[in-house]
Amino acid sequence: GMCEERIKNLESIGFNWRNNQTWEAMYENLKQYKAEYGDTNVPSRYADNPQLGRWVNNQRTRYKNFTAGKKQYNGMTEDR
């Protein structure tokens, strides 16, 4: 498991617990998709970038939960 010492070690080197870099990278991928296809309707099983398809689907699910008042459970904030 994760002990306090391991947590401190990770934090001492600037470990990012929330992993927003991945969100930012996927957002950039989505912008590229829109530039190419003219929309953000990425198929959930998008062959060229399966991770992007899953990410877009997850964002929609998180937004649905966020607007339904389940803010504490889904990682969605006012900023994203």
Protein backbone atom coordinates (compact mmCIF):
# COMPACT_ATOMS: atom_id res chain seq x y z
CA GLY A 1 0.00 0.00 0.00
CA MET A 2 0.87 3.64 0.09
CA CYS A 3 2.65 4.58 3.30
CA GLU A 4 3.30 8.11 4.48
CA GLU A 5 6.99 7.86 3.59
CA ARG A 6 6.19 6.98 -0.03
CA ILE A 7 3.72 9.85 -0.24
CA LYS A 8 6.37 12.28 1.06
CA ASN A 9 8.95 10.89 -1.38
CA LEU A 10 6.63 11.38 -4.34
CA GLU A 11 5.66 14.87 -3.23
CA SER A 12 9.32 15.81 -2.71
CA ILE A 13 9.92 15.42 -6.45
CA GLY A 14 6.77 17.31 -7.44
CA PHE A 15 4.51 14.33 -8.11
CA ASN A 16 1.14 15.53 -9.41
CA TRP A 17 -1.68 13.60 -7.74
CA ARG A 18 -4.41 15.01 -9.99
CA ASN A 19 -2.63 14.36 -13.31
CA ASN A 20 -3.94 17.49 -15.04
CA GLN A 21 -1.22 17.16 -17.69
CA THR A 22 -3.10 14.22 -19.15
CA TRP A 23 -6.29 16.27 -19.23
CA GLU A 24 -4.48 19.11 -20.99
CA ALA A 25 -2.92 16.72 -23.52
CA MET A 26 -6.29 15.14 -24.30
CA TYR A 27 -7.84 18.59 -24.64
CA GLU A 28 -5.16 19.44 -27.22
CA ASN A 29 -5.94 16.18 -29.05
CA LEU A 30 -9.63 17.12 -29.07
CA LYS A 31 -8.81 20.54 -30.54
CA GLN A 32 -6.84 18.82 -33.31
CA TYR A 33 -9.75 16.46 -33.95
CA LYS A 34 -12.12 19.43 -34.27
CA ALA A 35 -9.74 21.19 -36.66
CA GLU A 36 -9.70 18.10 -38.87
CA TYR A 37 -13.36 17.01 -38.67
CA GLY A 38 -15.19 20.23 -37.76
CA ASP A 39 -16.84 18.87 -34.61
CA THR A 40 -16.07 17.24 -31.27
CA ASN A 41 -18.15 14.12 -31.84
CA VAL A 42 -15.29 11.68 -31.33
CA PRO A 43 -16.55 8.08 -31.54
CA SER A 44 -16.09 6.22 -28.27
CA ARG A 45 -14.19 3.57 -30.27
CA TYR A 46 -12.18 5.98 -32.39
CA ALA A 47 -9.64 3.78 -34.18
CA ASP A 48 -7.06 6.54 -34.78
CA ASN A 49 -6.92 7.47 -31.08
CA PRO A 50 -8.89 5.11 -28.80
CA GLN A 51 -7.77 7.01 -25.70
CA LEU A 52 -9.32 10.24 -27.05
CA GLY A 53 -12.65 8.50 -27.68
CA ARG A 54 -12.72 7.19 -24.10
CA TRP A 55 -11.63 10.56 -22.70
CA VAL A 56 -14.40 12.46 -24.53
CA ASN A 57 -16.96 9.93 -23.31
CA ASN A 58 -15.65 10.30 -19.74
CA GLN A 59 -15.85 14.10 -19.97
CA ARG A 60 -19.49 13.89 -21.02
CA THR A 61 -20.27 11.49 -18.17
CA ARG A 62 -18.50 13.74 -15.67
CA TYR A 63 -20.36 16.77 -16.96
CA LYS A 64 -23.68 14.96 -16.66
CA ASN A 65 -22.87 14.00 -13.07
CA PHE A 66 -21.58 17.49 -12.31
CA THR A 67 -24.76 19.16 -13.52
CA ALA A 68 -26.82 16.61 -11.61
CA GLY A 69 -25.18 17.75 -8.38
CA LYS A 70 -22.71 14.91 -7.92
CA LYS A 71 -19.75 17.29 -7.85
CA GLN A 72 -17.78 15.50 -5.16
CA TYR A 73 -17.60 12.17 -7.02
CA ASN A 74 -16.52 12.82 -10.56
CA GLY A 75 -13.44 15.05 -10.73
CA MET A 76 -15.28 17.75 -12.67
CA THR A 77 -14.83 21.32 -11.45
CA GLU A 78 -16.10 24.70 -12.61
CA ASP A 79 -12.80 25.11 -14.53
CA ARG A 80 -13.06 21.86 -16.48
